[in-house]
Amino acid sequence: HENVVVTDGERGCWFLGQETDFKVVHQPAFSVNVVDTTGCGDVFHGAYASALARGLRLKDRIILASATAAIKATVRGGQAGIPRLSDVEQFLAQM
């Protein structure tokens, strides 16, 4: 897989790959009540890797990772705020 993803905090992320015909695509960050951004980047990357391992398409990996990082930002503490997959799926279902 030849994909590139660049995260940019509250501005979201940019990505490209074969699925985007190697054109850069912007994914805005989800709007949430931010309490603590500690660990958001790590959570994004972990969720992305998990989604990759489960075979999700690039855009779906990006959305899942973005939502996971957004939810983490609503809770104080780096590890304490890491959401479960079911929480992320529920969050996305409400979007």
N, C-alpha and C. Protein backbone atom coordinates (compact mmCIF):
# COMPACT_ATOMS: atom_id res chain seq x y z
N HIS A 1 0.84 -1.18 0.00
CA HIS A 1 0.00 0.00 0.00
C HIS A 1 0.88 1.23 0.00
N GLU A 2 0.63 2.11 -0.91
CA GLU A 2 1.38 3.36 -0.98
C GLU A 2 0.44 4.50 -0.62
N ASN A 3 0.35 4.78 0.67
CA ASN A 3 -0.49 5.85 1.17
C ASN A 3 0.35 6.79 2.01
N VAL A 4 -0.04 8.05 2.02
CA VAL A 4 0.59 9.04 2.87
C VAL A 4 -0.52 9.75 3.63
N VAL A 5 -0.34 9.88 4.94
CA VAL A 5 -1.29 10.59 5.79
C VAL A 5 -0.50 11.58 6.63
N VAL A 6 -0.93 12.83 6.62
CA VAL A 6 -0.30 13.87 7.43
C VAL A 6 -1.37 14.44 8.35
N THR A 7 -1.16 14.28 9.66
CA THR A 7 -2.11 14.82 10.62
C THR A 7 -1.74 16.26 10.97
N ASP A 8 -2.76 17.07 11.28
CA ASP A 8 -2.53 18.48 11.57
C ASP A 8 -3.46 18.97 12.67
N GLY A 9 -3.58 18.16 13.71
CA GLY A 9 -4.34 18.57 14.90
C GLY A 9 -5.76 19.00 14.58
N GLU A 10 -6.13 20.15 15.09
CA GLU A 10 -7.50 20.65 14.94
C GLU A 10 -7.89 20.93 13.49
N ARG A 11 -6.91 20.97 12.62
CA ARG A 11 -7.20 21.19 11.19
C ARG A 11 -7.48 19.87 10.46
N GLY A 12 -7.38 18.75 11.17
CA GLY A 12 -7.67 17.45 10.57
C GLY A 12 -6.45 16.80 9.99
N CYS A 13 -6.60 16.21 8.80
CA CYS A 13 -5.46 15.57 8.15
C CYS A 13 -5.63 15.60 6.64
N TRP A 14 -4.54 15.35 5.98
CA TRP A 14 -4.50 15.25 4.52
C TRP A 14 -3.95 13.88 4.19
N PHE A 15 -4.48 13.28 3.13
CA PHE A 15 -4.01 11.95 2.77
C PHE A 15 -4.09 11.75 1.27
N LEU A 16 -3.32 10.77 0.79
CA LEU A 16 -3.37 10.39 -0.61
C LEU A 16 -2.93 8.95 -0.74
N GLY A 17 -3.32 8.37 -1.83
CA GLY A 17 -2.96 6.99 -2.12
C GLY A 17 -3.62 6.54 -3.39
N GLN A 18 -3.49 5.28 -3.68
CA GLN A 18 -4.07 4.74 -4.90
C GLN A 18 -5.58 4.98 -4.95
N GLU A 19 -6.24 4.85 -3.80
CA GLU A 19 -7.69 5.05 -3.75
C GLU A 19 -8.11 6.48 -4.06
N THR A 20 -7.19 7.43 -3.93
CA THR A 20 -7.50 8.83 -4.25
C THR A 20 -6.86 9.25 -5.57
N ASP A 21 -6.42 8.27 -6.35
CA ASP A 21 -5.67 8.54 -7.59
C ASP A 21 -4.46 9.43 -7.31
N PHE A 22 -3.90 9.26 -6.11
CA PHE A 22 -2.73 10.00 -5.65
C PHE A 22 -2.95 11.51 -5.65
N LYS A 23 -4.20 11.91 -5.49
CA LYS A 23 -4.54 13.32 -5.28
C LYS A 23 -4.73 13.52 -3.77
N VAL A 24 -4.29 14.66 -3.28
CA VAL A 24 -4.39 14.96 -1.86
C VAL A 24 -5.84 15.25 -1.50
N VAL A 25 -6.31 14.61 -0.42
CA VAL A 25 -7.67 14.79 0.08
C VAL A 25 -7.58 15.29 1.52
N HIS A 26 -8.44 16.24 1.87
CA HIS A 26 -8.46 16.77 3.24
C HIS A 26 -9.63 16.16 4.00
N GLN A 27 -9.35 15.71 5.21
CA GLN A 27 -10.38 15.24 6.14
C GLN A 27 -10.39 16.22 7.32
N PRO A 28 -11.44 17.05 7.43
CA PRO A 28 -11.49 17.97 8.57
C PRO A 28 -11.59 17.19 9.88
N ALA A 29 -11.11 17.81 10.94
CA ALA A 29 -11.26 17.21 12.26
C ALA A 29 -12.73 17.30 12.67
N PHE A 30 -13.17 16.33 13.45
CA PHE A 30 -14.53 16.37 13.98
C PHE A 30 -14.61 17.47 15.03
N SER A 31 -15.72 18.17 15.06
CA SER A 31 -15.92 19.25 16.03
C SER A 31 -16.40 18.65 17.34
N VAL A 32 -15.58 18.79 18.37
CA VAL A 32 -15.91 18.27 19.70
C VAL A 32 -15.50 19.31 20.75
N ASN A 33 -15.97 19.13 21.97
CA ASN A 33 -15.57 19.97 23.09
C ASN A 33 -14.23 19.46 23.60
N VAL A 34 -13.15 20.11 23.20
CA VAL A 34 -11.80 19.64 23.52
C VAL A 34 -11.45 19.95 24.97
N VAL A 35 -10.99 18.91 25.67
CA VAL A 35 -10.57 19.03 27.06
C VAL A 35 -9.05 18.84 27.17
N ASP A 36 -8.51 17.88 26.42
CA ASP A 36 -7.08 17.55 26.52
C ASP A 36 -6.66 16.84 25.23
N THR A 37 -5.67 17.37 24.55
CA THR A 37 -5.21 16.76 23.30
C THR A 37 -4.03 15.81 23.51
N THR A 38 -3.62 15.60 24.75
CA THR A 38 -2.52 14.68 25.03
C THR A 38 -2.84 13.30 24.48
N GLY A 39 -1.98 12.80 23.62
CA GLY A 39 -2.16 11.45 23.08
C GLY A 39 -3.03 11.35 21.85
N CYS A 40 -3.60 12.45 21.39
CA CYS A 40 -4.50 12.37 20.22
C CYS A 40 -3.80 11.83 18.98
N GLY A 41 -2.58 12.25 18.75
CA GLY A 41 -1.85 11.76 17.59
C GLY A 41 -1.58 10.26 17.69
N ASP A 42 -1.18 9.82 18.86
CA ASP A 42 -0.94 8.39 19.06
C ASP A 42 -2.21 7.59 18.88
N VAL A 43 -3.32 8.11 19.40
CA VAL A 43 -4.61 7.44 19.26
C VAL A 43 -5.02 7.38 17.79
N PHE A 44 -4.80 8.47 17.06
CA PHE A 44 -5.11 8.48 15.63
C PHE A 44 -4.33 7.37 14.93
N HIS A 45 -3.03 7.31 15.18
CA HIS A 45 -2.19 6.33 14.49
C HIS A 45 -2.54 4.90 14.89
N GLY A 46 -2.85 4.68 16.15
CA GLY A 46 -3.26 3.35 16.59
C GLY A 46 -4.57 2.90 15.96
N ALA A 47 -5.53 3.82 15.89
CA ALA A 47 -6.82 3.50 15.28
C ALA A 47 -6.65 3.25 13.79
N TYR A 48 -5.79 4.04 13.15
CA TYR A 48 -5.52 3.86 11.72
C TYR A 48 -4.92 2.47 11.48
N ALA A 49 -3.94 2.11 12.29
CA ALA A 49 -3.28 0.80 12.14
C ALA A 49 -4.26 -0.34 12.36
N SER A 50 -5.11 -0.20 13.34
CA SER A 50 -6.12 -1.22 13.61
C SER A 50 -7.08 -1.36 12.42
N ALA A 51 -7.50 -0.23 11.87
CA ALA A 51 -8.40 -0.25 10.72
C ALA A 51 -7.71 -0.85 9.49
N LEU A 52 -6.43 -0.58 9.32
CA LEU A 52 -5.66 -1.16 8.23
C LEU A 52 -5.60 -2.67 8.38
N ALA A 53 -5.33 -3.13 9.59
CA ALA A 53 -5.24 -4.57 9.85
C ALA A 53 -6.58 -5.26 9.61
N ARG A 54 -7.68 -4.53 9.81
CA ARG A 54 -9.01 -5.10 9.60
C ARG A 54 -9.47 -4.98 8.15
N GLY A 55 -8.63 -4.37 7.30
CA GLY A 55 -8.93 -4.32 5.87
C GLY A 55 -9.82 -3.18 5.41
N LEU A 56 -10.00 -2.15 6.24
CA LEU A 56 -10.83 -1.02 5.83
C LEU A 56 -10.16 -0.25 4.70
N ARG A 57 -10.97 0.36 3.88
CA ARG A 57 -10.47 1.21 2.79
C ARG A 57 -9.83 2.47 3.38
N LEU A 58 -8.99 3.13 2.60
CA LEU A 58 -8.24 4.29 3.07
C LEU A 58 -9.15 5.36 3.68
N LYS A 59 -10.18 5.79 2.98
CA LYS A 59 -11.07 6.84 3.49
C LYS A 59 -11.72 6.41 4.80
N ASP A 60 -12.12 5.15 4.89
CA ASP A 60 -12.74 4.64 6.11
C ASP A 60 -11.75 4.58 7.27
N ARG A 61 -10.49 4.27 6.97
CA ARG A 61 -9.44 4.28 8.00
C ARG A 61 -9.26 5.69 8.54
N ILE A 62 -9.24 6.65 7.63
CA ILE A 62 -9.05 8.05 8.01
C ILE A 62 -10.20 8.54 8.89
N ILE A 63 -11.42 8.23 8.49
CA ILE A 63 -12.59 8.66 9.27
C ILE A 63 -12.57 8.02 10.65
N LEU A 64 -12.30 6.73 10.71
CA LEU A 64 -12.26 6.03 12.00
C LEU A 64 -11.17 6.62 12.89
N ALA A 65 -10.00 6.83 12.35
CA ALA A 65 -8.89 7.38 13.14
C ALA A 65 -9.19 8.80 13.59
N SER A 66 -9.79 9.59 12.73
CA SER A 66 -10.14 10.98 13.08
C SER A 66 -11.18 11.00 14.20
N ALA A 67 -12.17 10.15 14.09
CA ALA A 67 -13.20 10.09 15.13
C ALA A 67 -12.62 9.62 16.45
N THR A 68 -11.75 8.64 16.41
CA THR A 68 -11.14 8.12 17.62
C THR A 68 -10.33 9.20 18.33
N ALA A 69 -9.55 9.95 17.57
CA ALA A 69 -8.76 11.04 18.14
C ALA A 69 -9.66 12.15 18.69
N ALA A 70 -10.74 12.43 18.00
CA ALA A 70 -11.67 13.47 18.46
C ALA A 70 -12.29 13.09 19.80
N ILE A 71 -12.72 11.84 19.91
CA ILE A 71 -13.32 11.39 21.17
C ILE A 71 -12.30 11.45 22.30
N LYS A 72 -11.06 11.03 22.01
CA LYS A 72 -10.00 11.08 23.03
C LYS A 72 -9.82 12.50 23.53
N ALA A 73 -9.92 13.49 22.66
CA ALA A 73 -9.71 14.89 23.04
C ALA A 73 -10.76 15.41 24.02
N THR A 74 -11.86 14.70 24.16
CA THR A 74 -12.93 15.15 25.06
C THR A 74 -12.72 14.70 26.50
N VAL A 75 -11.65 13.94 26.74
CA VAL A 75 -11.39 13.39 28.07
C VAL A 75 -9.97 13.75 28.50
N ARG A 76 -9.82 14.15 29.75
CA ARG A 76 -8.50 14.49 30.27
C ARG A 76 -7.67 13.22 30.48
N GLY A 77 -6.41 13.32 30.10
CA GLY A 77 -5.47 12.20 30.30
C GLY A 77 -5.16 11.49 29.00
N GLY A 78 -3.90 11.14 28.83
CA GLY A 78 -3.48 10.49 27.59
C GLY A 78 -4.10 9.12 27.39
N GLN A 79 -3.96 8.24 28.35
CA GLN A 79 -4.50 6.89 28.21
C GLN A 79 -5.95 6.80 28.66
N ALA A 80 -6.31 7.60 29.63
CA ALA A 80 -7.67 7.52 30.20
C ALA A 80 -8.74 7.83 29.16
N GLY A 81 -8.41 8.62 28.18
CA GLY A 81 -9.41 9.04 27.21
C GLY A 81 -9.51 8.19 25.96
N ILE A 82 -8.76 7.11 25.88
CA ILE A 82 -8.80 6.28 24.67
C ILE A 82 -10.15 5.57 24.59
N PRO A 83 -10.92 5.82 23.53
CA PRO A 83 -12.25 5.21 23.44
C PRO A 83 -12.19 3.77 22.92
N ARG A 84 -13.22 3.03 23.23
CA ARG A 84 -13.39 1.68 22.68
C ARG A 84 -13.96 1.82 21.27
N LEU A 85 -13.76 0.79 20.46
CA LEU A 85 -14.27 0.80 19.09
C LEU A 85 -15.79 1.01 19.08
N SER A 86 -16.50 0.42 20.01
CA SER A 86 -17.96 0.58 20.06
C SER A 86 -18.35 2.04 20.29
N ASP A 87 -17.55 2.76 21.09
CA ASP A 87 -17.81 4.19 21.32
C ASP A 87 -17.60 4.99 20.02
N VAL A 88 -16.55 4.63 19.28
CA VAL A 88 -16.25 5.32 18.03
C VAL A 88 -17.36 5.04 17.00
N GLU A 89 -17.78 3.80 16.92
CA GLU A 89 -18.86 3.44 15.98
C GLU A 89 -20.14 4.18 16.32
N GLN A 90 -20.44 4.31 17.61
CA GLN A 90 -21.64 5.04 18.03
C GLN A 90 -21.51 6.52 17.69
N PHE A 91 -20.34 7.09 17.92
CA PHE A 91 -20.06 8.49 17.59
C PHE A 91 -20.29 8.73 16.09
N LEU A 92 -19.74 7.85 15.26
CA LEU A 92 -19.87 7.99 13.80
C LEU A 92 -21.32 7.80 13.34
N ALA A 93 -22.05 6.92 14.00
CA ALA A 93 -23.45 6.70 13.64
C ALA A 93 -24.30 7.94 13.88
N GLN A 94 -23.87 8.79 14.80
CA GLN A 94 -24.61 10.01 15.11
C GLN A 94 -24.24 11.17 14.19
N MET A 95 -23.23 10.98 13.36
CA MET A 95 -22.78 12.05 12.46
C MET A 95 -23.66 12.11 11.23
